[in-house]
Amino acid sequence: MKKQSKQTQSRKKPNKEETAAGAIVFLIEKGVIKVLLLERSDGWLEIGPKGRVKARESPIRTAHREMQEEIGIPLHIDSSFSETTRYETKDENPRTHKQYGVSKTTTYFLAFLNAHERREIRVSEEHKSFRFVPIDEAVNLVKREVWKQALREAKGYITRYYLT
């Protein structure tokens, strides 16, 4: 059994656990892999779309639903790739305004976007804008280390299976 560090041991267990699924949406332009980044109203850039897995819903079904809800188009998912991220964050109870810890686990799949589908993207009210950026630039733009790692893994997979 692995010994936990004091920092890990002293941390309180999160009050809530969330399981989510989503897709790293990408396209290839002139040999460059570009990924979709969604900008939230608070300015954070995130890979997505993603959302909570509902009862009796598979992660792949969740990813399809979230694409429809957040960008307006259901894309084909390459389920041969999946990357699971885990991180802890804080949330706030809207009634009591008390903060609580949340442990989030998200499984990302890949979704390939054709050039003509790019024009069909319509972001939901959850996000204020979107952009496609080269995947290496996206690694530098997202803040969470687990998102950076997911993008690196996606780049390796896309390079191996879509660019060869």
Protein backbone atom coordinates (compact mmCIF):
# COMPACT_ATOMS: atom_id res chain seq x y z
CA MET A 1 0.00 0.00 0.00
CA LYS A 2 1.29 3.42 -0.93
CA LYS A 3 2.05 5.77 1.95
CA GLN A 4 0.07 9.01 1.84
CA SER A 5 1.80 12.32 2.30
CA LYS A 6 0.90 14.44 5.32
CA GLN A 7 -0.73 16.95 3.00
CA THR A 8 -3.08 14.27 1.65
CA GLN A 9 -3.75 12.83 5.11
CA SER A 10 -4.68 16.20 6.62
CA ARG A 11 -7.12 17.13 3.86
CA LYS A 12 -10.79 16.79 4.62
CA LYS A 13 -12.74 14.37 2.50
CA PRO A 14 -14.93 16.22 -0.03
CA ASN A 15 -18.60 16.52 0.91
CA LYS A 16 -19.75 15.50 -2.56
CA GLU A 17 -18.53 13.39 -5.47
CA GLU A 18 -19.51 14.06 -9.07
CA THR A 19 -19.03 11.83 -12.08
CA ALA A 20 -19.07 13.49 -15.48
CA ALA A 21 -18.30 12.72 -19.10
CA GLY A 22 -17.53 14.80 -22.13
CA ALA A 23 -15.57 15.11 -25.32
CA ILE A 24 -12.41 16.74 -26.49
CA VAL A 25 -13.69 18.14 -29.79
CA PHE A 26 -10.99 18.47 -32.42
CA LEU A 27 -10.43 19.21 -36.07
CA ILE A 28 -7.41 19.07 -38.31
CA GLU A 29 -6.53 22.09 -40.46
CA LYS A 30 -3.53 21.88 -42.77
CA GLY A 31 -2.02 19.13 -40.62
CA VAL A 32 -2.51 21.07 -37.35
CA ILE A 33 -4.64 19.55 -34.58
CA LYS A 34 -6.98 22.18 -33.14
CA VAL A 35 -9.23 21.65 -30.13
CA LEU A 36 -12.39 23.36 -29.00
CA LEU A 37 -12.06 25.45 -25.84
CA LEU A 38 -15.19 26.80 -24.18
CA GLU A 39 -15.04 30.06 -22.25
CA ARG A 40 -17.19 30.25 -19.14
CA SER A 41 -18.71 33.51 -17.93
CA ASP A 42 -15.99 33.75 -15.26
CA GLY A 43 -13.31 33.71 -17.97
CA TRP A 44 -12.06 30.16 -17.40
CA LEU A 45 -11.26 28.21 -20.55
CA GLU A 46 -12.15 24.55 -20.35
CA ILE A 47 -12.06 21.53 -22.55
CA GLY A 48 -15.48 20.20 -23.14
CA PRO A 49 -18.38 19.98 -23.55
CA LYS A 50 -18.90 17.92 -20.44
CA GLY A 51 -21.50 17.32 -17.75
CA ARG A 52 -22.79 15.05 -15.03
CA VAL A 53 -23.59 11.45 -15.82
CA LYS A 54 -27.29 10.92 -15.10
CA ALA A 55 -28.76 7.79 -13.52
CA ARG A 56 -28.77 4.83 -15.92
CA GLU A 57 -26.80 6.85 -18.51
CA SER A 58 -23.50 5.64 -19.91
CA PRO A 59 -20.53 8.03 -20.09
CA ILE A 60 -20.66 7.93 -23.90
CA ARG A 61 -24.36 8.81 -23.86
CA THR A 62 -23.57 11.68 -21.48
CA ALA A 63 -20.88 12.98 -23.84
CA HIS A 64 -23.38 12.90 -26.75
CA ARG A 65 -26.03 14.70 -24.71
CA GLU A 66 -23.59 17.35 -23.50
CA MET A 67 -22.39 18.06 -27.04
CA GLN A 68 -25.99 18.59 -28.13
CA GLU A 69 -26.75 20.82 -25.12
CA GLU A 70 -23.55 22.88 -25.02
CA ILE A 71 -22.50 23.26 -28.66
CA GLY A 72 -25.67 22.36 -30.52
CA ILE A 73 -24.35 19.45 -32.57
CA PRO A 74 -23.98 15.75 -31.80
CA LEU A 75 -20.68 14.52 -33.19
CA HIS A 76 -19.40 10.99 -33.65
CA ILE A 77 -17.40 9.89 -30.61
CA ASP A 78 -14.19 7.90 -30.94
CA SER A 79 -14.64 5.71 -27.88
CA SER A 80 -11.28 3.98 -28.46
CA PHE A 81 -9.79 6.98 -26.68
CA SER A 82 -10.75 7.89 -23.15
CA GLU A 83 -8.94 9.89 -20.51
CA THR A 84 -10.22 10.19 -16.96
CA THR A 85 -9.42 13.27 -14.91
CA ARG A 86 -9.88 13.77 -11.18
CA TYR A 87 -9.65 16.97 -9.17
CA GLU A 88 -11.13 18.63 -6.13
CA THR A 89 -12.85 21.98 -6.17
CA LYS A 90 -15.30 24.00 -4.12
CA ASP A 91 -18.93 24.69 -4.83
CA GLU A 92 -21.55 26.73 -3.04
CA ASN A 93 -25.00 25.77 -1.82
CA PRO A 94 -27.30 28.35 -3.50
CA ARG A 95 -29.68 28.42 -0.51
CA THR A 96 -27.22 28.60 2.39
CA HIS A 97 -24.25 30.11 0.48
CA LYS A 98 -21.98 27.70 2.36
CA GLN A 99 -19.08 26.28 0.42
CA TYR A 100 -18.38 22.56 0.29
CA GLY A 101 -15.76 20.38 -1.30
CA VAL A 102 -16.47 18.48 -4.50
CA SER A 103 -14.40 15.66 -5.94
CA LYS A 104 -14.92 15.61 -9.73
CA THR A 105 -14.15 12.65 -11.96
CA THR A 106 -14.61 13.22 -15.69
CA THR A 107 -14.09 10.79 -18.57
CA TYR A 108 -13.24 12.48 -21.86
CA PHE A 109 -13.65 10.86 -25.26
CA LEU A 110 -12.67 12.32 -28.63
CA ALA A 111 -15.08 13.86 -31.14
CA PHE A 112 -13.88 14.73 -34.64
CA LEU A 113 -15.36 17.84 -36.23
CA ASN A 114 -15.50 18.38 -39.99
CA ALA A 115 -14.83 21.88 -41.35
CA HIS A 116 -18.48 22.40 -42.40
CA GLU A 117 -19.73 21.41 -38.92
CA ARG A 118 -17.63 24.18 -37.34
CA ARG A 119 -20.10 26.77 -38.62
CA GLU A 120 -22.96 24.96 -36.87
CA ILE A 121 -21.58 25.37 -33.34
CA ARG A 122 -23.85 27.38 -31.05
CA VAL A 123 -22.73 27.59 -27.41
CA SER A 124 -25.31 27.35 -24.65
CA GLU A 125 -25.91 29.99 -21.99
CA GLU A 126 -23.43 28.08 -19.82
CA HIS A 127 -20.57 29.48 -21.90
CA LYS A 128 -20.00 32.91 -23.40
CA SER A 129 -17.81 31.90 -26.33
CA PHE A 130 -15.73 29.21 -27.97
CA ARG A 131 -12.56 29.01 -29.99
CA PHE A 132 -10.44 26.45 -31.77
CA VAL A 133 -6.76 26.61 -30.94
CA PRO A 134 -3.77 24.43 -31.79
CA ILE A 135 -3.61 21.67 -29.20
CA ASP A 136 -0.18 22.75 -27.89
CA GLU A 137 -1.52 26.25 -27.29
CA ALA A 138 -4.59 24.80 -25.56
CA VAL A 139 -2.31 22.97 -23.11
CA ASN A 140 -0.93 26.37 -22.09
CA LEU A 141 -4.34 28.08 -21.91
CA VAL A 142 -6.24 25.68 -19.63
CA LYS A 143 -5.53 26.02 -15.93
CA ARG A 144 -6.08 22.58 -14.45
CA GLU A 145 -3.11 20.25 -14.74
CA VAL A 146 -5.43 17.27 -15.33
CA TRP A 147 -6.87 19.05 -18.40
CA LYS A 148 -3.36 19.71 -19.69
CA GLN A 149 -2.54 16.01 -19.32
CA ALA A 150 -5.79 14.97 -21.06
CA LEU A 151 -4.88 17.21 -24.00
CA ARG A 152 -1.37 15.75 -24.19
CA GLU A 153 -2.80 12.23 -24.26
CA ALA A 154 -5.33 13.25 -26.91
CA LYS A 155 -2.56 14.76 -29.04
CA GLY A 156 -0.62 11.49 -28.99
CA TYR A 157 -3.69 9.48 -29.95
CA ILE A 158 -4.80 11.89 -32.71
CA THR A 159 -1.27 12.03 -34.14
CA ARG A 160 -1.06 8.23 -34.16
CA TYR A 161 -4.50 7.46 -35.57
CA TYR A 162 -5.67 10.51 -37.54
CA LEU A 163 -2.50 12.04 -38.99
CA THR A 164 -0.72 8.93 -40.27
